Amino acid sequence: MTAIPAPHADTGYRRFLDECEHLARPFGPGSFGAKAEAFARFFGTPKFLIGQTLLVGTWILLNALKIVHFDIYPFILLNLAFSLQAAYAAPLILLAQTRQADRDKAHAEADAKHREAVARSTIQREVQAQRGITLLKQLLDENTALTKQVEALTREIHGKVVAA
């Protein structure tokens, strides 16, 4: 049987994630990265959608009722604002998705390495258990043989004591 290498001393799952630590911040480790990620994540929230709907509805209502006159129908300034928003939102969201995919892949690889380490240590424990069972059988056989020898010696001594 081939010897199975002992697993790393640190048996925690997190040790496999150390090599993908650089992916923890998808937009970089600085304050820009944190703000950009928060901004990208905010786009899909109900809070953003409700807020934007209220803002657009107010914009259209104020201009359609001619309460203000800065963006009259067909609301070109509003369309420009939407275009500007899309120009910044789309790349941020795509970048966030790409980096999330990288993180998911790194976690999947770490999970696979963890499963392999668990499998190796399980095989190693099974091999050790089998060696222990074999040793116990050997000791039991030796004990049985010694018991038979003691029994034979006891009969021989008993026979000599009774004869004397």
C-alpha atoms as a PDB file:
ATOM      1  CA  MET A   1       0.000   0.000   0.000  1.00  0.00           C
ATOM      2  CA  THR A   2       1.244   3.496  -0.785  1.00  0.00           C
ATOM      3  CA  ALA A   3       1.545   6.006   1.997  1.00  0.00           C
ATOM      4  CA  ILE A   4      -0.958   8.865   1.875  1.00  0.00           C
ATOM      5  CA  PRO A   5       0.549  12.265   2.647  1.00  0.00           C
ATOM      6  CA  ALA A   6      -0.677  13.825   5.862  1.00  0.00           C
ATOM      7  CA  PRO A   7      -3.061  16.737   5.402  1.00  0.00           C
ATOM      8  CA  HIS A   8      -1.966  20.260   6.195  1.00  0.00           C
ATOM      9  CA  ALA A   9      -1.840  20.994   9.934  1.00  0.00           C
ATOM     10  CA  ASP A  10      -4.549  23.620   9.565  1.00  0.00           C
ATOM     11  CA  THR A  11      -7.662  21.634   8.709  1.00  0.00           C
ATOM     12  CA  GLY A  12     -10.037  24.605   8.428  1.00  0.00           C
ATOM     13  CA  TYR A  13     -11.891  25.232   5.199  1.00  0.00           C
ATOM     14  CA  ARG A  14     -10.849  28.906   5.125  1.00  0.00           C
ATOM     15  CA  ARG A  15      -7.202  28.012   4.391  1.00  0.00           C
ATOM     16  CA  PHE A  16      -8.220  27.170   0.830  1.00  0.00           C
ATOM     17  CA  LEU A  17      -9.630  30.684   0.347  1.00  0.00           C
ATOM     18  CA  ASP A  18      -6.344  32.442   1.170  1.00  0.00           C
ATOM     19  CA  GLU A  19      -5.161  32.310  -2.435  1.00  0.00           C
ATOM     20  CA  CYS A  20      -8.270  34.143  -3.669  1.00  0.00           C
ATOM     21  CA  GLU A  21      -8.192  36.880  -1.023  1.00  0.00           C
ATOM     22  CA  HIS A  22      -7.380  39.452  -3.731  1.00  0.00           C
ATOM     23  CA  LEU A  23     -10.931  39.001  -5.059  1.00  0.00           C
ATOM     24  CA  ALA A  24     -12.538  40.147  -1.812  1.00  0.00           C
ATOM     25  CA  ARG A  25     -13.040  43.677  -3.150  1.00  0.00           C
ATOM     26  CA  PRO A  26     -14.295  43.579  -6.739  1.00  0.00           C
ATOM     27  CA  PHE A  27     -13.311  47.176  -7.550  1.00  0.00           C
ATOM     28  CA  GLY A  28     -10.032  47.261  -5.672  1.00  0.00           C
ATOM     29  CA  PRO A  29      -9.104  47.635  -2.021  1.00  0.00           C
ATOM     30  CA  GLY A  30      -9.424  51.440  -1.740  1.00  0.00           C
ATOM     31  CA  SER A  31     -12.317  53.717  -0.907  1.00  0.00           C
ATOM     32  CA  PHE A  32     -13.139  54.124  -4.619  1.00  0.00           C
ATOM     33  CA  GLY A  33     -13.573  50.375  -4.897  1.00  0.00           C
ATOM     34  CA  ALA A  34     -15.882  50.238  -1.885  1.00  0.00           C
ATOM     35  CA  LYS A  35     -18.006  53.142  -3.153  1.00  0.00           C
ATOM     36  CA  ALA A  36     -18.160  51.789  -6.705  1.00  0.00           C
ATOM     37  CA  GLU A  37     -19.247  48.358  -5.496  1.00  0.00           C
ATOM     38  CA  ALA A  38     -21.883  49.876  -3.198  1.00  0.00           C
ATOM     39  CA  PHE A  39     -23.128  52.013  -6.104  1.00  0.00           C
ATOM     40  CA  ALA A  40     -23.319  49.015  -8.457  1.00  0.00           C
ATOM     41  CA  ARG A  41     -25.139  46.925  -5.870  1.00  0.00           C
ATOM     42  CA  PHE A  42     -27.609  49.769  -5.172  1.00  0.00           C
ATOM     43  CA  PHE A  43     -28.914  49.776  -8.779  1.00  0.00           C
ATOM     44  CA  GLY A  44     -30.930  46.593  -8.338  1.00  0.00           C
ATOM     45  CA  THR A  45     -32.558  47.423  -5.036  1.00  0.00           C
ATOM     46  CA  PRO A  46     -36.244  48.272  -4.570  1.00  0.00           C
ATOM     47  CA  LYS A  47     -35.149  51.468  -2.829  1.00  0.00           C
ATOM     48  CA  PHE A  48     -33.418  52.654  -6.012  1.00  0.00           C
ATOM     49  CA  LEU A  49     -36.283  51.637  -8.296  1.00  0.00           C
ATOM     50  CA  ILE A  50     -38.938  53.329  -6.151  1.00  0.00           C
ATOM     51  CA  GLY A  51     -36.776  56.426  -5.714  1.00  0.00           C
ATOM     52  CA  GLN A  52     -36.079  56.712  -9.426  1.00  0.00           C
ATOM     53  CA  THR A  53     -39.759  56.185 -10.275  1.00  0.00           C
ATOM     54  CA  LEU A  54     -40.774  58.953  -7.867  1.00  0.00           C
ATOM     55  CA  LEU A  55     -38.077  61.280  -9.217  1.00  0.00           C
ATOM     56  CA  VAL A  56     -39.023  60.669 -12.869  1.00  0.00           C
ATOM     57  CA  GLY A  57     -42.739  60.958 -12.098  1.00  0.00           C
ATOM     58  CA  THR A  58     -42.163  64.243 -10.275  1.00  0.00           C
ATOM     59  CA  TRP A  59     -39.933  65.507 -13.103  1.00  0.00           C
ATOM     60  CA  ILE A  60     -42.543  64.723 -15.751  1.00  0.00           C
ATOM     61  CA  LEU A  61     -45.430  66.051 -13.664  1.00  0.00           C
ATOM     62  CA  LEU A  62     -43.718  69.355 -12.846  1.00  0.00           C
ATOM     63  CA  ASN A  63     -42.728  69.927 -16.461  1.00  0.00           C
ATOM     64  CA  ALA A  64     -45.990  68.697 -18.025  1.00  0.00           C
ATOM     65  CA  LEU A  65     -48.067  70.942 -15.768  1.00  0.00           C
ATOM     66  CA  LYS A  66     -45.625  73.766 -16.538  1.00  0.00           C
ATOM     67  CA  ILE A  67     -44.870  74.375 -12.868  1.00  0.00           C
ATOM     68  CA  VAL A  68     -41.248  74.509 -13.972  1.00  0.00           C
ATOM     69  CA  HIS A  69     -39.980  75.080 -17.495  1.00  0.00           C
ATOM     70  CA  PHE A  70     -36.482  73.569 -17.564  1.00  0.00           C
ATOM     71  CA  ASP A  71     -37.358  70.375 -19.527  1.00  0.00           C
ATOM     72  CA  ILE A  72     -40.549  70.660 -21.542  1.00  0.00           C
ATOM     73  CA  TYR A  73     -42.033  67.802 -23.568  1.00  0.00           C
ATOM     74  CA  PRO A  74     -40.390  65.588 -25.094  1.00  0.00           C
ATOM     75  CA  PHE A  75     -38.179  65.722 -21.946  1.00  0.00           C
ATOM     76  CA  ILE A  76     -34.806  65.747 -23.693  1.00  0.00           C
ATOM     77  CA  LEU A  77     -32.940  66.593 -20.494  1.00  0.00           C
ATOM     78  CA  LEU A  78     -34.551  63.584 -18.765  1.00  0.00           C
ATOM     79  CA  ASN A  79     -33.465  61.342 -21.658  1.00  0.00           C
ATOM     80  CA  LEU A  80     -29.956  62.767 -21.372  1.00  0.00           C
ATOM     81  CA  ALA A  81     -29.966  62.010 -17.622  1.00  0.00           C
ATOM     82  CA  PHE A  82     -31.050  58.423 -18.344  1.00  0.00           C
ATOM     83  CA  SER A  83     -28.293  58.052 -20.955  1.00  0.00           C
ATOM     84  CA  LEU A  84     -25.708  59.384 -18.515  1.00  0.00           C
ATOM     85  CA  GLN A  85     -26.938  57.038 -15.814  1.00  0.00           C
ATOM     86  CA  ALA A  86     -26.786  54.065 -18.204  1.00  0.00           C
ATOM     87  CA  ALA A  87     -23.295  55.055 -19.372  1.00  0.00           C
ATOM     88  CA  TYR A  88     -22.000  54.718 -15.822  1.00  0.00           C
ATOM     89  CA  ALA A  89     -24.279  51.974 -14.510  1.00  0.00           C
ATOM     90  CA  ALA A  90     -23.747  49.388 -17.243  1.00  0.00           C
ATOM     91  CA  PRO A  91     -19.937  49.162 -16.960  1.00  0.00           C
ATOM     92  CA  LEU A  92     -20.110  49.109 -13.153  1.00  0.00           C
ATOM     93  CA  ILE A  93     -22.708  46.357 -13.156  1.00  0.00           C
ATOM     94  CA  LEU A  94     -20.796  44.320 -15.751  1.00  0.00           C
ATOM     95  CA  LEU A  95     -17.594  44.735 -13.773  1.00  0.00           C
ATOM     96  CA  ALA A  96     -19.366  43.661 -10.590  1.00  0.00           C
ATOM     97  CA  GLN A  97     -20.795  40.585 -12.365  1.00  0.00           C
ATOM     98  CA  THR A  98     -17.415  39.655 -13.818  1.00  0.00           C
ATOM     99  CA  ARG A  99     -15.677  39.962 -10.490  1.00  0.00           C
ATOM    100  CA  GLN A 100     -18.483  38.062  -8.752  1.00  0.00           C
ATOM    101  CA  ALA A 101     -18.005  35.270 -11.286  1.00  0.00           C
ATOM    102  CA  ASP A 102     -14.272  35.310 -10.470  1.00  0.00           C
ATOM    103  CA  ARG A 103     -15.067  35.079  -6.758  1.00  0.00           C
ATOM    104  CA  ASP A 104     -17.550  32.256  -7.364  1.00  0.00           C
ATOM    105  CA  LYS A 105     -14.964  30.359  -9.410  1.00  0.00           C
ATOM    106  CA  ALA A 106     -12.292  30.864  -6.732  1.00  0.00           C
ATOM    107  CA  HIS A 107     -14.690  29.669  -4.032  1.00  0.00           C
ATOM    108  CA  ALA A 108     -15.615  26.630  -6.126  1.00  0.00           C
ATOM    109  CA  GLU A 109     -11.935  25.786  -6.582  1.00  0.00           C
ATOM    110  CA  ALA A 110     -11.315  26.257  -2.856  1.00  0.00           C
ATOM    111  CA  ASP A 111     -14.291  24.013  -2.138  1.00  0.00           C
ATOM    112  CA  ALA A 112     -12.902  21.352  -4.478  1.00  0.00           C
ATOM    113  CA  LYS A 113      -9.501  21.517  -2.772  1.00  0.00           C
ATOM    114  CA  HIS A 114     -11.205  21.231   0.609  1.00  0.00           C
ATOM    115  CA  ARG A 115     -13.172  18.179  -0.535  1.00  0.00           C
ATOM    116  CA  GLU A 116      -9.960  16.597  -1.862  1.00  0.00           C
ATOM    117  CA  ALA A 117      -8.195  17.235   1.452  1.00  0.00           C
ATOM    118  CA  VAL A 118     -11.113  15.724   3.357  1.00  0.00           C
ATOM    119  CA  ALA A 119     -11.075  12.696   1.044  1.00  0.00           C
ATOM    120  CA  ARG A 120      -7.313  12.256   1.533  1.00  0.00           C
ATOM    121  CA  SER A 121      -7.610  12.467   5.302  1.00  0.00           C
ATOM    122  CA  THR A 122     -10.553  10.038   5.239  1.00  0.00           C
ATOM    123  CA  ILE A 123      -8.533   7.541   3.211  1.00  0.00           C
ATOM    124  CA  GLN A 124      -5.614   8.001   5.584  1.00  0.00           C
ATOM    125  CA  ARG A 125      -7.866   7.334   8.602  1.00  0.00           C
ATOM    126  CA  GLU A 126      -9.299   4.256   6.877  1.00  0.00           C
ATOM    127  CA  VAL A 127      -5.793   2.936   6.206  1.00  0.00           C
ATOM    128  CA  GLN A 128      -4.813   3.560   9.837  1.00  0.00           C
ATOM    129  CA  ALA A 129      -8.004   1.886  11.043  1.00  0.00           C
ATOM    130  CA  GLN A 130      -7.303  -1.140   8.819  1.00  0.00           C
ATOM    131  CA  ARG A 131      -3.752  -1.352  10.212  1.00  0.00           C
ATOM    132  CA  GLY A 132      -5.189  -1.190  13.735  1.00  0.00           C
ATOM    133  CA  ILE A 133      -7.673  -3.958  12.953  1.00  0.00           C
ATOM    134  CA  THR A 134      -4.909  -6.105  11.476  1.00  0.00           C
ATOM    135  CA  LEU A 135      -2.743  -5.493  14.552  1.00  0.00           C
ATOM    136  CA  LEU A 136      -5.652  -6.361  16.866  1.00  0.00           C
ATOM    137  CA  LYS A 137      -6.263  -9.624  14.963  1.00  0.00           C
ATOM    138  CA  GLN A 138      -2.561 -10.461  15.206  1.00  0.00           C
ATOM    139  CA  LEU A 139      -2.511  -9.726  18.938  1.00  0.00           C
ATOM    140  CA  LEU A 140      -5.688 -11.768  19.435  1.00  0.00           C
ATOM    141  CA  ASP A 141      -4.142 -14.712  17.572  1.00  0.00           C
ATOM    142  CA  GLU A 142      -0.960 -14.421  19.657  1.00  0.00           C
ATOM    143  CA  ASN A 143      -3.055 -14.196  22.820  1.00  0.00           C
ATOM    144  CA  THR A 144      -4.994 -17.309  21.811  1.00  0.00           C
ATOM    145  CA  ALA A 145      -1.737 -19.169  21.118  1.00  0.00           C
ATOM    146  CA  LEU A 146      -0.294 -18.063  24.483  1.00  0.00           C
ATOM    147  CA  THR A 147      -3.503 -19.084  26.255  1.00  0.00           C
ATOM    148  CA  LYS A 148      -3.219 -22.567  24.691  1.00  0.00           C
ATOM    149  CA  GLN A 149       0.442 -22.774  25.779  1.00  0.00           C
ATOM    150  CA  VAL A 150      -0.467 -21.692  29.338  1.00  0.00           C
ATOM    151  CA  GLU A 151      -3.262 -24.280  29.364  1.00  0.00           C
ATOM    152  CA  ALA A 152      -0.865 -26.988  28.164  1.00  0.00           C
ATOM    153  CA  LEU A 153       1.770 -26.003  30.750  1.00  0.00           C
ATOM    154  CA  THR A 154      -0.872 -25.883  33.469  1.00  0.00           C
ATOM    155  CA  ARG A 155      -1.987 -29.467  32.592  1.00  0.00           C
ATOM    156  CA  GLU A 156       1.613 -30.628  32.489  1.00  0.00           C
ATOM    157  CA  ILE A 157       2.393 -29.071  35.883  1.00  0.00           C
ATOM    158  CA  HIS A 158      -0.893 -30.423  37.300  1.00  0.00           C
ATOM    159  CA  GLY A 159      -0.031 -33.850  35.990  1.00  0.00           C
ATOM    160  CA  LYS A 160       3.451 -33.749  37.637  1.00  0.00           C
ATOM    161  CA  VAL A 161       2.067 -32.393  40.913  1.00  0.00           C
ATOM    162  CA  VAL A 162      -0.630 -35.074  41.083  1.00  0.00           C
ATOM    163  CA  ALA A 163       1.890 -37.809  40.129  1.00  0.00           C
ATOM    164  CA  ALA A 164       4.326 -36.727  42.826  1.00  0.00           C
END
